[in-house]
Amino acid sequence: MSLSREESIASLRLLVCMAKADGVLHERERAMLEASFGEIELPEGITLQWLFDEPTDVSSVLAQLVSEEARDNAYSAVYALACADGDCSPPERGLLLEIRTKLGIDETQDAHLARLFLPRHQMGREYGSSGATPTLDAMAREIQITAETRKCAIVSALLGAFPFPGLSIATDLIIAGLQVGLARDIGAMWGQQMDTAQAKGVLAGFGVGTGARIALSNLLKVFPGWGSAFGAASAYASSYAVGRVMNAYFLEGRGLDAKELAARFKAAKAEGKEAFAGDTAVIEQAKAAHAEALAALELELAEGRISQDEFEQRAKAMVP
C-alpha cells in the first residue's frame, strides 16, 4: 500500500515543521532539507520553496494523515529527522511528543524507535575497528576498493529492495552503517586509520547518513510511484558513490572540502545508477536466494540480538 497524494504532501510538510521546531528554518536545516529533497521529483504542483514557506500549522498537517500507514511512517520520519544525528533539541522533543499524541502513536512503536536511535555507546557496544589492511600497490588497492564498494552497494540494494514490515527505518540505519564501514575500510586500505566518529563526520559533510536523508528515504518507500524499486536503486547508487568519493578523498590526501565532496558525490550517484542497471541480475538472484535469511538477520539487529558489525559480515557473505 502507498500513501495518497495528500498524505505524501502532508508527510513532507511535517518534516519541514520539525526542521522549524524552534520557529525558524535555520540555514543548516534548510541546507540539509535542500540536499535531500533535491534528489527527488516532488509531487506535481509542489515546489521546495512552497514547502519551506507554507505556514507550519502542525495540527492541520497531521489532520491530512488519514491512514494508519501514513501516520506511522510520518512519525518514524520526523523521529529520524530529530534524532538520527544525536542532537535532539528541547523544542524538537516537545514537537515529537505533540505529534506522537495527536497521531495516536502507541508506546510500543515509540520505544522501538527510541532503541533504534539510541547512541551505540549507550547500547554497550561500538562499531568494531576496520578489518581492512593497508595495500601499498596502487593497482591492487584500486581493485580491492572497487570490489568492496560493489559488494556494499549490492547489499544496500538488497536492503532497499523490499522494506520489511515495521523495520523501514532500521533498514535505512543499517545502510548508513554499511556506508560508514565502507568509508573506514577504504581509509584502512590507504593506510589511513579513521574511527567511526571521523567517518560519520566526513560522510555527513556531503549529506550521507543525516537525519533528513534517512527520514526522506523512509517516506519514499510508501510514496506513490516510487516504492521498493526506488529504494533499491537509490541505496545502491548512494553506497557506490560513498566508495568512489571516499577513494578520491584519500587519494587527495584528505584535502577535499565538504563542497567539493558534495559535488563529487552527486556525480558519483549518477554513475551508481548506471552501475545498478548492470548489477540488476546479480541483485535479483541474491534477493531470491537470501530474502528470508536477510529479513531474519535484519530482525535480529533491530531487536539488538546481534551487533552492526556481525550484521555487516553475515550480510556481505550472502553476496559473491
Protein backbone atom coordinates (compact mmCIF):
# COMPACT_ATOMS: atom_id res chain seq x y z
CA MET A 1 0.00 0.00 0.00
CA SER A 2 1.21 3.52 -0.78
CA LEU A 3 0.22 6.89 0.60
CA SER A 4 -2.28 9.14 -1.15
CA ARG A 5 -1.06 12.33 -2.81
CA GLU A 6 -2.47 14.39 0.07
CA GLU A 7 -0.76 12.20 2.66
CA SER A 8 2.53 12.34 0.74
CA ILE A 9 2.50 16.14 0.69
CA ALA A 10 1.46 16.30 4.35
CA SER A 11 4.37 13.98 5.26
CA LEU A 12 6.85 16.27 3.51
CA ARG A 13 5.34 19.31 5.22
CA LEU A 14 5.67 17.56 8.58
CA LEU A 15 9.43 17.19 8.02
CA VAL A 16 9.65 20.93 7.43
CA CYS A 17 7.60 21.52 10.59
CA MET A 18 10.17 19.51 12.55
CA ALA A 19 13.03 21.44 10.95
CA LYS A 20 11.27 24.61 12.16
CA ALA A 21 10.63 23.20 15.64
CA ASP A 22 12.05 26.34 17.29
CA GLY A 23 10.02 28.58 14.97
CA VAL A 24 12.79 29.28 12.44
CA LEU A 25 14.19 27.36 9.48
CA HIS A 26 17.90 27.86 10.15
CA GLU A 27 20.45 27.73 7.36
CA ARG A 28 21.78 24.34 8.50
CA GLU A 29 18.32 22.75 8.47
CA ARG A 30 17.45 24.41 5.17
CA ALA A 31 20.64 23.14 3.51
CA MET A 32 20.03 19.66 4.90
CA LEU A 33 16.49 19.54 3.51
CA GLU A 34 17.51 21.06 0.17
CA ALA A 35 20.21 18.41 -0.26
CA SER A 36 17.77 15.58 0.49
CA PHE A 37 14.67 16.92 -1.30
CA GLY A 38 16.79 17.93 -4.28
CA GLU A 39 17.29 14.25 -5.17
CA ILE A 40 13.61 13.52 -5.73
CA GLU A 41 10.84 14.69 -8.02
CA LEU A 42 8.32 16.40 -5.79
CA PRO A 43 4.58 15.79 -6.34
CA GLU A 44 3.18 17.78 -9.26
CA GLY A 45 2.49 21.39 -8.35
CA ILE A 46 4.69 21.27 -5.23
CA THR A 47 7.98 23.15 -5.01
CA LEU A 48 10.68 23.15 -2.39
CA GLN A 49 10.14 26.87 -1.79
CA TRP A 50 6.41 26.28 -1.21
CA LEU A 51 7.21 23.61 1.37
CA PHE A 52 9.57 25.99 3.15
CA ASP A 53 7.21 28.98 3.03
CA GLU A 54 3.91 27.27 3.86
CA PRO A 55 2.76 28.14 7.41
CA THR A 56 3.71 25.39 9.85
CA ASP A 57 0.34 24.61 11.39
CA VAL A 58 1.14 21.16 12.75
CA SER A 59 -2.45 20.27 13.62
CA SER A 60 -3.76 20.92 10.09
CA VAL A 61 -0.88 18.91 8.60
CA LEU A 62 -1.49 15.97 10.92
CA ALA A 63 -5.20 16.01 10.10
CA GLN A 64 -4.34 15.10 6.50
CA LEU A 65 -2.61 11.86 7.57
CA VAL A 66 -5.68 9.67 7.43
CA SER A 67 -4.40 6.10 7.13
CA GLU A 68 -2.56 4.24 9.88
CA GLU A 69 0.33 3.59 7.47
CA ALA A 70 0.65 7.31 6.74
CA ARG A 71 0.65 8.19 10.44
CA ASP A 72 3.21 5.50 11.36
CA ASN A 73 5.59 6.36 8.51
CA ALA A 74 5.31 10.10 9.07
CA TYR A 75 6.07 9.71 12.77
CA SER A 76 9.07 7.46 12.05
CA ALA A 77 10.35 10.02 9.55
CA VAL A 78 10.11 13.03 11.87
CA TYR A 79 11.65 10.94 14.66
CA ALA A 80 14.61 10.20 12.36
CA LEU A 81 14.94 13.86 11.40
CA ALA A 82 15.02 14.90 15.05
CA CYS A 83 17.14 12.09 16.50
CA ALA A 84 19.34 10.44 13.84
CA ASP A 85 22.17 12.95 14.23
CA GLY A 86 22.23 12.59 18.01
CA ASP A 87 21.34 16.16 18.95
CA CYS A 88 17.55 16.25 19.51
CA SER A 89 16.85 19.68 21.00
CA PRO A 90 14.19 20.50 23.63
CA PRO A 91 11.89 22.14 21.00
CA GLU A 92 12.24 19.04 18.80
CA ARG A 93 11.46 16.73 21.72
CA GLY A 94 8.41 18.82 22.55
CA LEU A 95 7.17 18.71 18.96
CA LEU A 96 7.77 14.97 18.78
CA LEU A 97 5.61 14.48 21.85
CA GLU A 98 2.85 16.64 20.34
CA ILE A 99 2.96 14.72 17.05
CA ARG A 100 3.01 11.37 18.83
CA THR A 101 -0.03 12.32 20.92
CA LYS A 102 -2.09 13.74 18.06
CA LEU A 103 -1.30 10.82 15.74
CA GLY A 104 -2.08 8.27 18.45
CA ILE A 105 1.29 6.51 18.17
CA ASP A 106 1.42 3.69 20.70
CA GLU A 107 4.19 3.24 23.25
CA THR A 108 5.50 0.09 21.56
CA GLN A 109 6.41 1.90 18.33
CA ASP A 110 7.86 4.82 20.23
CA ALA A 111 10.02 2.54 22.38
CA HIS A 112 11.18 0.70 19.26
CA LEU A 113 12.28 3.95 17.62
CA ALA A 114 13.95 5.15 20.82
CA ARG A 115 16.06 1.98 20.97
CA LEU A 116 16.98 2.14 17.27
CA PHE A 117 18.25 5.70 17.62
CA LEU A 118 19.98 5.21 20.97
CA PRO A 119 23.67 6.11 20.58
CA ARG A 120 25.69 2.93 20.18
CA HIS A 121 27.89 3.61 23.22
CA GLN A 122 24.72 3.70 25.33
CA MET A 123 23.83 0.28 23.95
CA GLY A 124 27.03 -1.07 25.45
CA ARG A 125 28.82 -1.54 22.13
CA GLU A 126 30.60 0.40 19.42
CA TYR A 127 31.37 -0.30 15.81
CA GLY A 128 34.42 -2.54 15.69
CA SER A 129 37.67 -1.46 14.06
CA SER A 130 38.08 -1.90 10.34
CA GLY A 131 39.19 -5.36 9.28
CA ALA A 132 40.87 -3.98 6.14
CA THR A 133 44.63 -3.67 5.92
CA PRO A 134 46.87 -1.21 4.02
CA THR A 135 47.52 -2.07 0.38
CA LEU A 136 50.66 -0.43 -0.93
CA ASP A 137 50.30 -1.43 -4.59
CA ALA A 138 48.11 1.21 -6.23
CA MET A 139 46.55 -1.13 -8.80
CA ALA A 140 45.79 -3.81 -6.21
CA ARG A 141 44.29 -1.20 -3.89
CA GLU A 142 42.04 0.14 -6.66
CA ILE A 143 40.79 -3.37 -7.43
CA GLN A 144 40.17 -4.06 -3.74
CA ILE A 145 38.30 -0.79 -3.18
CA THR A 146 36.19 -1.33 -6.30
CA ALA A 147 35.24 -4.83 -5.13
CA GLU A 148 34.35 -3.69 -1.59
CA THR A 149 32.34 -0.77 -2.96
CA ARG A 150 30.37 -3.03 -5.29
CA LYS A 151 29.65 -5.54 -2.51
CA CYS A 152 28.45 -2.78 -0.18
CA ALA A 153 26.27 -1.37 -2.98
CA ILE A 154 24.69 -4.76 -3.71
CA VAL A 155 23.94 -5.46 -0.03
CA SER A 156 22.48 -1.94 0.26
CA ALA A 157 20.28 -2.60 -2.78
CA LEU A 158 19.05 -5.86 -1.25
CA LEU A 159 18.06 -4.00 1.89
CA GLY A 160 16.45 -1.18 -0.08
CA ALA A 161 14.61 -3.52 -2.44
CA PHE A 162 11.97 -4.67 -0.01
CA PRO A 163 11.41 -2.77 3.24
CA PHE A 164 10.46 -5.33 5.87
CA PRO A 165 7.23 -4.65 7.78
CA GLY A 166 7.87 -2.35 10.72
CA LEU A 167 11.61 -2.16 10.00
CA SER A 168 11.88 0.51 7.31
CA ILE A 169 13.80 2.95 9.50
CA ALA A 170 16.02 0.12 10.74
CA THR A 171 16.85 -0.67 7.10
CA ASP A 172 17.92 2.91 6.44
CA LEU A 173 20.07 2.95 9.58
CA ILE A 174 21.71 -0.33 8.53
CA ILE A 175 22.55 1.08 5.09
CA ALA A 176 24.03 4.16 6.75
CA GLY A 177 26.10 1.85 8.97
CA LEU A 178 27.32 -0.12 5.96
CA GLN A 179 28.43 3.11 4.33
CA VAL A 180 30.31 4.20 7.46
CA GLY A 181 32.03 0.80 7.49
CA LEU A 182 32.95 1.17 3.82
CA ALA A 183 34.46 4.59 4.47
CA ARG A 184 36.58 3.21 7.31
CA ASP A 185 37.68 0.20 5.24
CA ILE A 186 38.77 2.39 2.32
CA GLY A 187 40.73 4.55 4.73
CA ALA A 188 42.46 1.44 6.12
CA MET A 189 43.34 0.27 2.60
CA TRP A 190 45.02 3.63 2.09
CA GLY A 191 46.88 3.20 5.40
CA GLN A 192 44.76 5.98 6.93
CA GLN A 193 43.00 4.90 10.13
CA MET A 194 39.62 6.53 10.62
CA ASP A 195 37.36 5.82 13.58
CA THR A 196 33.58 5.71 13.37
CA ALA A 197 33.07 9.30 14.52
CA GLN A 198 35.54 10.61 11.93
CA ALA A 199 33.95 8.55 9.14
CA LYS A 200 30.45 9.72 10.06
CA GLY A 201 31.69 13.31 10.15
CA VAL A 202 33.13 13.14 6.64
CA LEU A 203 30.03 11.45 5.23
CA ALA A 204 27.71 13.92 6.94
CA GLY A 205 29.70 16.71 5.28
CA PHE A 206 28.29 15.67 1.91
CA GLY A 207 24.87 14.62 3.18
CA VAL A 208 25.20 10.87 3.76
CA GLY A 209 23.58 9.35 6.83
CA THR A 210 21.91 12.56 8.01
CA GLY A 211 18.52 12.52 9.68
CA ALA A 212 16.94 14.29 6.70
CA ARG A 213 18.14 11.67 4.25
CA ILE A 214 17.03 8.76 6.46
CA ALA A 215 13.66 10.43 7.09
CA LEU A 216 13.01 11.05 3.40
CA SER A 217 14.12 7.56 2.40
CA ASN A 218 11.66 6.11 4.88
CA LEU A 219 8.81 8.13 3.36
CA LEU A 220 9.72 7.41 -0.26
CA LYS A 221 9.21 3.68 0.23
CA VAL A 222 5.48 4.29 0.58
CA PHE A 223 5.10 7.28 -1.78
CA PRO A 224 3.00 6.71 -4.92
CA GLY A 225 5.12 5.76 -7.93
CA TRP A 226 8.37 5.06 -6.09
CA GLY A 227 8.09 2.02 -3.85
CA SER A 228 10.79 -0.60 -3.46
CA ALA A 229 12.39 -0.18 -6.90
CA PHE A 230 13.38 3.38 -6.00
CA GLY A 231 14.72 2.11 -2.69
CA ALA A 232 16.98 -0.49 -4.30
CA ALA A 233 18.38 1.82 -6.99
CA SER A 234 18.88 4.71 -4.59
CA ALA A 235 20.53 2.56 -1.91
CA TYR A 236 22.89 1.01 -4.47
CA ALA A 237 23.81 4.35 -6.03
CA SER A 238 24.38 6.02 -2.66
CA SER A 239 26.73 3.27 -1.41
CA TYR A 240 28.51 3.17 -4.77
CA ALA A 241 29.03 6.93 -4.56
CA VAL A 242 30.36 6.71 -0.99
CA GLY A 243 33.04 4.29 -2.19
CA ARG A 244 34.01 6.46 -5.14
CA VAL A 245 34.13 9.68 -3.15
CA MET A 246 36.00 8.23 -0.17
CA ASN A 247 38.62 6.78 -2.51
CA ALA A 248 39.07 10.23 -4.04
CA TYR A 249 39.17 11.76 -0.55
CA PHE A 250 42.17 9.65 0.47
CA LEU A 251 43.77 9.92 -2.98
CA GLU A 252 43.79 13.71 -2.50
CA GLY A 253 45.32 13.34 0.97
CA ARG A 254 42.07 14.30 2.74
CA GLY A 255 42.32 17.70 1.09
CA LEU A 256 38.81 17.85 -0.40
CA ASP A 257 36.38 20.17 1.40
CA ALA A 258 32.69 19.44 2.02
CA LYS A 259 31.52 21.43 -1.02
CA GLU A 260 33.82 19.52 -3.38
CA LEU A 261 32.89 16.20 -1.77
CA ALA A 262 29.19 17.00 -2.20
CA ALA A 263 29.70 17.79 -5.91
CA ARG A 264 31.62 14.59 -6.44
CA PHE A 265 29.03 12.59 -4.52
CA LYS A 266 26.24 13.90 -6.77
CA ALA A 267 28.20 12.95 -9.90
CA ALA A 268 29.13 9.55 -8.47
CA LYS A 269 25.47 8.80 -7.65
CA ALA A 270 24.62 9.30 -11.32
CA GLU A 271 27.35 6.77 -12.19
CA GLY A 272 25.99 4.49 -9.49
CA LYS A 273 22.53 4.44 -11.07
CA GLU A 274 24.10 3.23 -14.32
CA ALA A 275 26.14 0.63 -12.44
CA PHE A 276 22.94 -0.55 -10.72
CA ALA A 277 21.44 -1.43 -14.09
CA GLY A 278 24.44 -3.66 -14.78
CA ASP A 279 24.08 -5.44 -11.43
CA THR A 280 20.30 -5.91 -11.53
CA ALA A 281 20.54 -9.61 -12.39
CA VAL A 282 23.00 -10.27 -9.56
CA ILE A 283 20.78 -8.39 -7.10
CA GLU A 284 17.68 -10.30 -8.17
CA GLN A 285 19.50 -13.63 -7.83
CA ALA A 286 20.75 -12.70 -4.37
CA LYS A 287 17.29 -11.48 -3.40
CA ALA A 288 15.69 -14.77 -4.46
CA ALA A 289 18.32 -16.83 -2.67
CA HIS A 290 18.65 -14.85 0.56
CA ALA A 291 15.46 -12.81 1.09
CA GLU A 292 14.26 -14.82 4.09
CA ALA A 293 17.72 -15.06 5.65
CA LEU A 294 18.30 -11.33 5.22
CA ALA A 295 14.91 -10.49 6.73
CA ALA A 296 15.70 -12.67 9.75
CA LEU A 297 19.13 -11.09 10.06
CA GLU A 298 17.71 -7.59 9.96
CA LEU A 299 15.17 -8.51 12.63
CA GLU A 300 17.98 -9.80 14.87
CA LEU A 301 19.77 -6.48 14.51
CA ALA A 302 16.62 -4.43 15.05
CA GLU A 303 15.93 -6.36 18.25
CA GLY A 304 19.51 -5.91 19.47
CA ARG A 305 20.45 -9.61 19.34
CA ILE A 306 23.44 -9.05 17.04
CA SER A 307 25.82 -6.11 16.52
CA GLN A 308 26.13 -3.89 13.45
CA ASP A 309 29.50 -5.49 12.68
CA GLU A 310 28.07 -9.01 12.84
CA PHE A 311 25.20 -7.97 10.59
CA GLU A 312 27.61 -6.49 8.04
CA GLN A 313 29.79 -9.61 7.99
CA ARG A 314 26.87 -12.02 7.61
CA ALA A 315 25.07 -9.88 5.02
CA LYS A 316 28.19 -9.44 2.91
CA ALA A 317 28.77 -13.20 3.00
CA MET A 318 25.50 -13.57 1.04
CA VAL A 319 26.98 -11.65 -1.90
CA PRO A 320 29.57 -13.39 -4.14
